[in-house]
Protein backbone atom coordinates (compact mmCIF):
# COMPACT_ATOMS: atom_id res chain seq x y z
CA MET A 1 0.00 0.00 0.00
CA ASP A 2 1.44 3.34 -0.96
CA VAL A 3 1.10 6.57 0.99
CA LEU A 4 -1.86 7.93 -0.99
CA GLN A 5 -3.78 4.67 -0.59
CA TYR A 6 -3.09 4.72 3.14
CA ILE A 7 -4.34 8.30 3.48
CA SER A 8 -7.42 7.51 1.40
CA THR A 9 -8.20 4.50 3.57
CA LYS A 10 -7.86 6.56 6.75
CA ILE A 11 -10.16 9.24 5.33
CA ARG A 12 -12.78 6.64 4.38
CA GLU A 13 -12.58 5.23 7.91
CA GLU A 14 -13.11 8.69 9.38
CA VAL A 15 -16.07 9.36 7.09
CA GLN A 16 -17.58 6.02 8.16
CA ALA A 17 -17.13 6.97 11.83
CA LEU A 18 -18.87 10.30 11.19
CA ASP A 19 -21.67 8.50 9.35
CA ASN A 20 -22.12 6.19 12.33
CA ASP A 21 -22.24 9.15 14.72
CA ILE A 22 -24.80 10.93 12.54
CA ALA A 23 -26.94 7.79 12.28
CA ALA A 24 -26.77 7.31 16.04
CA GLY A 25 -27.96 10.90 16.61
CA LYS A 26 -24.88 11.91 18.58
CA ALA A 27 -25.05 15.58 17.58
CA LYS A 28 -26.16 17.71 20.55
CA ASP A 29 -27.96 20.19 18.34
CA PHE A 30 -28.44 21.25 14.73
CA ALA A 31 -25.30 23.41 14.76
CA GLU A 32 -23.16 20.42 15.73
CA TYR A 33 -24.90 18.29 13.10
CA LYS A 34 -24.13 20.91 10.44
CA ALA A 35 -20.49 21.07 11.57
CA VAL A 36 -20.10 17.30 11.36
CA CYS A 37 -21.69 17.29 7.91
CA GLY A 38 -19.25 20.00 6.83
CA VAL A 39 -16.27 18.00 8.08
CA ARG A 40 -17.63 14.92 6.30
CA LEU A 41 -18.01 16.83 3.04
CA GLY A 42 -14.49 18.23 3.35
CA LEU A 43 -13.04 14.75 3.89
CA ILE A 44 -14.91 13.39 0.87
CA LYS A 45 -13.62 16.26 -1.30
CA ALA A 46 -10.08 15.75 -0.02
CA ASN A 47 -10.32 12.05 -0.81
CA GLY A 48 -11.38 12.93 -4.35
CA ILE A 49 -8.33 15.14 -4.74
CA ILE A 50 -6.13 12.33 -3.44
CA ALA A 51 -7.67 9.93 -5.98
CA GLU A 52 -7.04 12.41 -8.82
CA THR A 53 -3.46 12.86 -7.64
CA ALA A 54 -2.90 9.10 -7.51
CA ASP A 55 -4.25 8.78 -11.06
CA MET A 56 -1.96 11.57 -12.30
CA ILE A 57 1.06 9.95 -10.66
CA LYS A 58 0.17 6.58 -12.16
CA LYS A 59 -0.22 8.08 -15.64
CA ASP A 60 3.10 9.93 -15.30
CA GLU A 61 4.84 6.74 -14.18
CA MET A 62 3.37 4.84 -17.14
CA GLN A 63 4.50 7.56 -19.55
CA ASP A 64 7.98 7.56 -18.02
CA ALA A 65 8.16 3.77 -18.34
CA GLU A 66 7.19 4.07 -22.00
CA GLY A 67 9.80 6.75 -22.55
CA GLY A 68 7.27 9.51 -23.06
CA THR A 69 7.21 12.92 -21.53
CA SER A 70 4.71 14.07 -18.96
CA VAL A 71 2.93 17.39 -19.06
CA GLU A 72 2.29 19.27 -15.84
CA THR A 73 -0.95 21.13 -15.45
């Protein structure tokens, strides 16, 4: 498992823990519920960025192995 996979796994575990807390009604009030939902959304977005980064790295490594050049965006 590489570093990005490890981070992604940890983020998914944290999102699952938040989902469990939400389902169990652990928020004291609506403000806390909204805050937890915001954290959850942020983690999901971050995990998407990590997935995109992993794909870019994989593509770059494949191009390098084929002797091609990679383009940075």
